């Protein structure tokens, strides 16, 4: 179930998208590869469907080795 958590302005949405793009690029430059679940959670956050905490929770549920990071 998706719950709208924020009404984002276009400038705020663009800023959040830039943050996600930078994280993805940085990871790729370091040889990393994020899972489809991670990308989906990040995309939901950019759309305002997840809070930052919900995004992290979704990623940790799929990748339990990240708990505590």
PDB file of N, CA and C in Angstrom:
ATOM      1  N   UNK A   1       0.838  -1.173   0.000  1.00  0.00           N
ATOM      2  CA  UNK A   1       0.000   0.000   0.000  1.00  0.00           C
ATOM      3  C   UNK A   1       0.886   1.240   0.000  1.00  0.00           C
ATOM      4  N   UNK A   2       0.577   2.183  -0.859  1.00  0.00           N
ATOM      5  CA  UNK A   2       1.328   3.421  -0.941  1.00  0.00           C
ATOM      6  C   UNK A   2       0.526   4.536  -0.281  1.00  0.00           C
ATOM      7  N   UNK A   3       1.164   5.282   0.584  1.00  0.00           N
ATOM      8  CA  UNK A   3       0.530   6.388   1.276  1.00  0.00           C
ATOM      9  C   UNK A   3       1.264   7.660   0.902  1.00  0.00           C
ATOM     10  N   UNK A   4       0.534   8.654   0.426  1.00  0.00           N
ATOM     11  CA  UNK A   4       1.156   9.937   0.129  1.00  0.00           C
ATOM     12  C   UNK A   4       1.611  10.568   1.438  1.00  0.00           C
ATOM     13  N   UNK A   5       2.885  10.887   1.524  1.00  0.00           N
ATOM     14  CA  UNK A   5       3.405  11.431   2.766  1.00  0.00           C
ATOM     15  C   UNK A   5       3.772  12.895   2.653  1.00  0.00           C
ATOM     16  N   UNK A   6       3.886  13.411   1.442  1.00  0.00           N
ATOM     17  CA  UNK A   6       4.302  14.804   1.296  1.00  0.00           C
ATOM     18  C   UNK A   6       3.788  15.372  -0.017  1.00  0.00           C
ATOM     19  N   UNK A   7       3.416  16.624   0.034  1.00  0.00           N
ATOM     20  CA  UNK A   7       3.101  17.355  -1.182  1.00  0.00           C
ATOM     21  C   UNK A   7       4.359  18.133  -1.535  1.00  0.00           C
ATOM     22  N   UNK A   8       5.024  17.729  -2.603  1.00  0.00           N
ATOM     23  CA  UNK A   8       6.299  18.335  -2.965  1.00  0.00           C
ATOM     24  C   UNK A   8       6.122  19.352  -4.080  1.00  0.00           C
ATOM     25  N   UNK A   9       6.828  20.456  -3.958  1.00  0.00           N
ATOM     26  CA  UNK A   9       6.875  21.406  -5.062  1.00  0.00           C
ATOM     27  C   UNK A   9       7.779  20.816  -6.138  1.00  0.00           C
ATOM     28  N   UNK A  10       7.675  21.337  -7.326  1.00  0.00           N
ATOM     29  CA  UNK A  10       8.532  20.832  -8.413  1.00  0.00           C
ATOM     30  C   UNK A  10      10.008  21.064  -8.104  1.00  0.00           C
ATOM     31  N   UNK A  11      10.337  22.188  -7.470  1.00  0.00           N
ATOM     32  CA  UNK A  11      11.748  22.444  -7.155  1.00  0.00           C
ATOM     33  C   UNK A  11      12.253  21.476  -6.083  1.00  0.00           C
ATOM     34  N   UNK A  12      11.394  21.155  -5.108  1.00  0.00           N
ATOM     35  CA  UNK A  12      11.791  20.203  -4.074  1.00  0.00           C
ATOM     36  C   UNK A  12      11.932  18.801  -4.661  1.00  0.00           C
ATOM     37  N   UNK A  13      10.993  18.416  -5.514  1.00  0.00           N
ATOM     38  CA  UNK A  13      11.075  17.109  -6.166  1.00  0.00           C
ATOM     39  C   UNK A  13      12.358  17.014  -6.999  1.00  0.00           C
ATOM     40  N   UNK A  14      12.692  18.075  -7.704  1.00  0.00           N
ATOM     41  CA  UNK A  14      13.918  18.085  -8.514  1.00  0.00           C
ATOM     42  C   UNK A  14      15.157  17.965  -7.630  1.00  0.00           C
ATOM     43  N   UNK A  15      15.130  18.623  -6.474  1.00  0.00           N
ATOM     44  CA  UNK A  15      16.263  18.542  -5.539  1.00  0.00           C
ATOM     45  C   UNK A  15      16.418  17.129  -5.001  1.00  0.00           C
ATOM     46  N   UNK A  16      15.291  16.506  -4.629  1.00  0.00           N
ATOM     47  CA  UNK A  16      15.342  15.129  -4.120  1.00  0.00           C
ATOM     48  C   UNK A  16      15.830  14.180  -5.218  1.00  0.00           C
ATOM     49  N   UNK A  17      15.377  14.392  -6.451  1.00  0.00           N
ATOM     50  CA  UNK A  17      15.823  13.542  -7.563  1.00  0.00           C
ATOM     51  C   UNK A  17      17.324  13.701  -7.776  1.00  0.00           C
ATOM     52  N   UNK A  18      17.812  14.934  -7.662  1.00  0.00           N
ATOM     53  CA  UNK A  18      19.252  15.172  -7.807  1.00  0.00           C
ATOM     54  C   UNK A  18      20.033  14.426  -6.734  1.00  0.00           C
ATOM     55  N   UNK A  19      19.522  14.428  -5.493  1.00  0.00           N
ATOM     56  CA  UNK A  19      20.197  13.701  -4.419  1.00  0.00           C
ATOM     57  C   UNK A  19      20.268  12.206  -4.735  1.00  0.00           C
ATOM     58  N   UNK A  20      19.155  11.642  -5.206  1.00  0.00           N
ATOM     59  CA  UNK A  20      19.124  10.214  -5.543  1.00  0.00           C
ATOM     60  C   UNK A  20      20.082   9.933  -6.697  1.00  0.00           C
ATOM     61  N   UNK A  21      20.072  10.793  -7.710  1.00  0.00           N
ATOM     62  CA  UNK A  21      20.969  10.605  -8.854  1.00  0.00           C
ATOM     63  C   UNK A  21      22.428  10.645  -8.421  1.00  0.00           C
ATOM     64  N   UNK A  22      22.755  11.548  -7.512  1.00  0.00           N
ATOM     65  CA  UNK A  22      24.137  11.641  -7.026  1.00  0.00           C
ATOM     66  C   UNK A  22      24.541  10.403  -6.239  1.00  0.00           C
ATOM     67  N   UNK A  23      23.629   9.887  -5.417  1.00  0.00           N
ATOM     68  CA  UNK A  23      23.920   8.667  -4.652  1.00  0.00           C
ATOM     69  C   UNK A  23      24.137   7.498  -5.605  1.00  0.00           C
ATOM     70  N   UNK A  24      23.274   7.372  -6.606  1.00  0.00           N
ATOM     71  CA  UNK A  24      23.404   6.274  -7.574  1.00  0.00           C
ATOM     72  C   UNK A  24      24.699   6.388  -8.363  1.00  0.00           C
ATOM     73  N   UNK A  25      25.040   7.597  -8.792  1.00  0.00           N
ATOM     74  CA  UNK A  25      26.270   7.797  -9.560  1.00  0.00           C
ATOM     75  C   UNK A  25      27.493   7.507  -8.711  1.00  0.00           C
ATOM     76  N   UNK A  26      27.493   7.994  -7.475  1.00  0.00           N
ATOM     77  CA  UNK A  26      28.616   7.753  -6.583  1.00  0.00           C
ATOM     78  C   UNK A  26      28.819   6.253  -6.364  1.00  0.00           C
ATOM     79  N   UNK A  27      27.733   5.556  -6.106  1.00  0.00           N
ATOM     80  CA  UNK A  27      27.822   4.106  -5.911  1.00  0.00           C
ATOM     81  C   UNK A  27      28.355   3.393  -7.140  1.00  0.00           C
ATOM     82  N   UNK A  28      27.871   3.797  -8.307  1.00  0.00           N
ATOM     83  CA  UNK A  28      28.325   3.165  -9.553  1.00  0.00           C
ATOM     84  C   UNK A  28      29.807   3.447  -9.798  1.00  0.00           C
ATOM     85  N   UNK A  29      30.249   4.659  -9.504  1.00  0.00           N
ATOM     86  CA  UNK A  29      31.663   4.993  -9.687  1.00  0.00           C
ATOM     87  C   UNK A  29      32.562   4.182  -8.763  1.00  0.00           C
ATOM     88  N   UNK A  30      32.014   3.764  -7.631  1.00  0.00           N
ATOM     89  CA  UNK A  30      32.776   2.946  -6.680  1.00  0.00           C
ATOM     90  C   UNK A  30      32.611   1.458  -6.966  1.00  0.00           C
ATOM     91  N   UNK A  31      31.918   1.124  -8.056  1.00  0.00           N
ATOM     92  CA  UNK A  31      31.752  -0.268  -8.440  1.00  0.00           C
ATOM     93  C   UNK A  31      30.540  -0.937  -7.840  1.00  0.00           C
ATOM     94  N   UNK A  32      29.686  -0.164  -7.195  1.00  0.00           N
ATOM     95  CA  UNK A  32      28.497  -0.726  -6.569  1.00  0.00           C
ATOM     96  C   UNK A  32      27.324  -0.804  -7.534  1.00  0.00           C
ATOM     97  N   UNK A  33      26.339  -1.561  -7.130  1.00  0.00           N
ATOM     98  CA  UNK A  33      25.104  -1.683  -7.906  1.00  0.00           C
ATOM     99  C   UNK A  33      23.943  -1.823  -6.934  1.00  0.00           C
ATOM    100  N   UNK A  34      23.031  -0.864  -6.985  1.00  0.00           N
ATOM    101  CA  UNK A  34      21.864  -0.910  -6.101  1.00  0.00           C
ATOM    102  C   UNK A  34      20.821  -1.855  -6.692  1.00  0.00           C
ATOM    103  N   UNK A  35      20.086  -2.498  -5.806  1.00  0.00           N
ATOM    104  CA  UNK A  35      19.049  -3.438  -6.241  1.00  0.00           C
ATOM    105  C   UNK A  35      17.838  -2.690  -6.796  1.00  0.00           C
ATOM    106  N   UNK A  36      16.989  -3.430  -7.483  1.00  0.00           N
ATOM    107  CA  UNK A  36      15.748  -2.853  -7.988  1.00  0.00           C
ATOM    108  C   UNK A  36      14.872  -2.358  -6.843  1.00  0.00           C
ATOM    109  N   UNK A  37      14.894  -3.061  -5.711  1.00  0.00           N
ATOM    110  CA  UNK A  37      14.116  -2.647  -4.543  1.00  0.00           C
ATOM    111  C   UNK A  37      14.628  -1.304  -4.024  1.00  0.00           C
ATOM    112  N   UNK A  38      15.931  -1.139  -3.980  1.00  0.00           N
ATOM    113  CA  UNK A  38      16.515   0.121  -3.542  1.00  0.00           C
ATOM    114  C   UNK A  38      16.097   1.249  -4.469  1.00  0.00           C
ATOM    115  N   UNK A  39      16.196   1.012  -5.776  1.00  0.00           N
ATOM    116  CA  UNK A  39      15.801   2.037  -6.747  1.00  0.00           C
ATOM    117  C   UNK A  39      14.320   2.377  -6.606  1.00  0.00           C
ATOM    118  N   UNK A  40      13.483   1.368  -6.413  1.00  0.00           N
ATOM    119  CA  UNK A  40      12.042   1.609  -6.265  1.00  0.00           C
ATOM    120  C   UNK A  40      11.757   2.429  -5.004  1.00  0.00           C
ATOM    121  N   UNK A  41      12.453   2.118  -3.911  1.00  0.00           N
ATOM    122  CA  UNK A  41      12.259   2.870  -2.666  1.00  0.00           C
ATOM    123  C   UNK A  41      12.719   4.322  -2.838  1.00  0.00           C
ATOM    124  N   UNK A  42      13.846   4.510  -3.500  1.00  0.00           N
ATOM    125  CA  UNK A  42      14.330   5.863  -3.760  1.00  0.00           C
ATOM    126  C   UNK A  42      13.342   6.635  -4.633  1.00  0.00           C
ATOM    127  N   UNK A  43      12.824   5.981  -5.658  1.00  0.00           N
ATOM    128  CA  UNK A  43      11.856   6.630  -6.546  1.00  0.00           C
ATOM    129  C   UNK A  43      10.576   6.995  -5.798  1.00  0.00           C
ATOM    130  N   UNK A  44      10.131   6.131  -4.883  1.00  0.00           N
ATOM    131  CA  UNK A  44       8.948   6.429  -4.075  1.00  0.00           C
ATOM    132  C   UNK A  44       9.198   7.631  -3.174  1.00  0.00           C
ATOM    133  N   UNK A  45      10.400   7.750  -2.648  1.00  0.00           N
ATOM    134  CA  UNK A  45      10.753   8.898  -1.812  1.00  0.00           C
ATOM    135  C   UNK A  45      10.711  10.184  -2.639  1.00  0.00           C
ATOM    136  N   UNK A  46      11.277  10.134  -3.849  1.00  0.00           N
ATOM    137  CA  UNK A  46      11.281  11.319  -4.714  1.00  0.00           C
ATOM    138  C   UNK A  46       9.853  11.758  -5.046  1.00  0.00           C
ATOM    139  N   UNK A  47       8.956  10.800  -5.227  1.00  0.00           N
ATOM    140  CA  UNK A  47       7.561  11.130  -5.545  1.00  0.00           C
ATOM    141  C   UNK A  47       6.770  11.578  -4.309  1.00  0.00           C
ATOM    142  N   UNK A  48       7.381  11.483  -3.123  1.00  0.00           N
ATOM    143  CA  UNK A  48       6.700  11.883  -1.899  1.00  0.00           C
ATOM    144  C   UNK A  48       5.801  10.801  -1.336  1.00  0.00           C
ATOM    145  N   UNK A  49       5.967   9.574  -1.806  1.00  0.00           N
ATOM    146  CA  UNK A  49       5.153   8.446  -1.339  1.00  0.00           C
ATOM    147  C   UNK A  49       5.735   7.798  -0.087  1.00  0.00           C
ATOM    148  N   UNK A  50       7.042   7.979   0.135  1.00  0.00           N
ATOM    149  CA  UNK A  50       7.734   7.478   1.311  1.00  0.00           C
ATOM    150  C   UNK A  50       8.387   8.652   2.023  1.00  0.00           C
ATOM    151  N   UNK A  51       8.437   8.586   3.347  1.00  0.00           N
ATOM    152  CA  UNK A  51       9.324   9.484   4.074  1.00  0.00           C
ATOM    153  C   UNK A  51      10.738   8.928   3.920  1.00  0.00           C
ATOM    154  N   UNK A  52      11.727   9.700   4.346  1.00  0.00           N
ATOM    155  CA  UNK A  52      13.104   9.216   4.287  1.00  0.00           C
ATOM    156  C   UNK A  52      13.249   7.952   5.131  1.00  0.00           C
ATOM    157  N   UNK A  53      12.578   7.936   6.283  1.00  0.00           N
ATOM    158  CA  UNK A  53      12.653   6.769   7.169  1.00  0.00           C
ATOM    159  C   UNK A  53      12.002   5.550   6.531  1.00  0.00           C
ATOM    160  N   UNK A  54      10.869   5.731   5.872  1.00  0.00           N
ATOM    161  CA  UNK A  54      10.202   4.615   5.200  1.00  0.00           C
ATOM    162  C   UNK A  54      11.068   4.061   4.076  1.00  0.00           C
ATOM    163  N   UNK A  55      11.755   4.943   3.364  1.00  0.00           N
ATOM    164  CA  UNK A  55      12.656   4.494   2.311  1.00  0.00           C
ATOM    165  C   UNK A  55      13.741   3.601   2.903  1.00  0.00           C
ATOM    166  N   UNK A  56      14.353   4.065   3.992  1.00  0.00           N
ATOM    167  CA  UNK A  56      15.397   3.277   4.647  1.00  0.00           C
ATOM    168  C   UNK A  56      14.874   1.949   5.157  1.00  0.00           C
ATOM    169  N   UNK A  57      13.672   1.959   5.730  1.00  0.00           N
ATOM    170  CA  UNK A  57      13.070   0.718   6.228  1.00  0.00           C
ATOM    171  C   UNK A  57      12.858  -0.282   5.096  1.00  0.00           C
ATOM    172  N   UNK A  58      12.366   0.185   3.961  1.00  0.00           N
ATOM    173  CA  UNK A  58      12.122  -0.701   2.821  1.00  0.00           C
ATOM    174  C   UNK A  58      13.430  -1.334   2.337  1.00  0.00           C
ATOM    175  N   UNK A  59      14.483  -0.546   2.317  1.00  0.00           N
ATOM    176  CA  UNK A  59      15.788  -1.060   1.874  1.00  0.00           C
ATOM    177  C   UNK A  59      16.332  -2.058   2.887  1.00  0.00           C
ATOM    178  N   UNK A  60      16.232  -1.741   4.183  1.00  0.00           N
ATOM    179  CA  UNK A  60      16.756  -2.648   5.211  1.00  0.00           C
ATOM    180  C   UNK A  60      15.991  -3.967   5.271  1.00  0.00           C
ATOM    181  N   UNK A  61      14.687  -3.941   5.000  1.00  0.00           N
ATOM    182  CA  UNK A  61      13.919  -5.198   4.987  1.00  0.00           C
ATOM    183  C   UNK A  61      14.428  -6.136   3.890  1.00  0.00           C
ATOM    184  N   UNK A  62      14.837  -5.588   2.783  1.00  0.00           N
ATOM    185  CA  UNK A  62      15.319  -6.395   1.664  1.00  0.00           C
ATOM    186  C   UNK A  62      16.790  -6.752   1.817  1.00  0.00           C
ATOM    187  N   UNK A  63      17.532  -5.883   2.457  1.00  0.00           N
ATOM    188  CA  UNK A  63      18.982  -6.072   2.629  1.00  0.00           C
ATOM    189  C   UNK A  63      19.315  -6.009   4.128  1.00  0.00           C
ATOM    190  N   UNK A  64      19.020  -7.075   4.869  1.00  0.00           N
ATOM    191  CA  UNK A  64      19.211  -7.051   6.319  1.00  0.00           C
ATOM    192  C   UNK A  64      20.646  -6.766   6.754  1.00  0.00           C
ATOM    193  N   UNK A  65      21.612  -6.954   5.880  1.00  0.00           N
ATOM    194  CA  UNK A  65      23.000  -6.689   6.261  1.00  0.00           C
ATOM    195  C   UNK A  65      23.241  -5.199   6.478  1.00  0.00           C
ATOM    196  N   UNK A  66      22.275  -4.337   6.067  1.00  0.00           N
ATOM    197  CA  UNK A  66      22.439  -2.898   6.243  1.00  0.00           C
ATOM    198  C   UNK A  66      21.893  -2.408   7.575  1.00  0.00           C
ATOM    199  N   UNK A  67      21.308  -3.290   8.372  1.00  0.00           N
ATOM    200  CA  UNK A  67      20.760  -2.896   9.672  1.00  0.00           C
ATOM    201  C   UNK A  67      21.910  -2.405  10.552  1.00  0.00           C
ATOM    202  N   UNK A  68      21.706  -1.269  11.158  1.00  0.00           N
ATOM    203  CA  UNK A  68      22.730  -0.699  12.007  1.00  0.00           C
ATOM    204  C   UNK A  68      23.662   0.254  11.292  1.00  0.00           C
ATOM    205  N   UNK A  69      23.473   0.413   9.990  1.00  0.00           N
ATOM    206  CA  UNK A  69      24.330   1.361   9.254  1.00  0.00           C
ATOM    207  C   UNK A  69      23.704   2.728   9.232  1.00  0.00           C
TER     208      UNK A  69
END
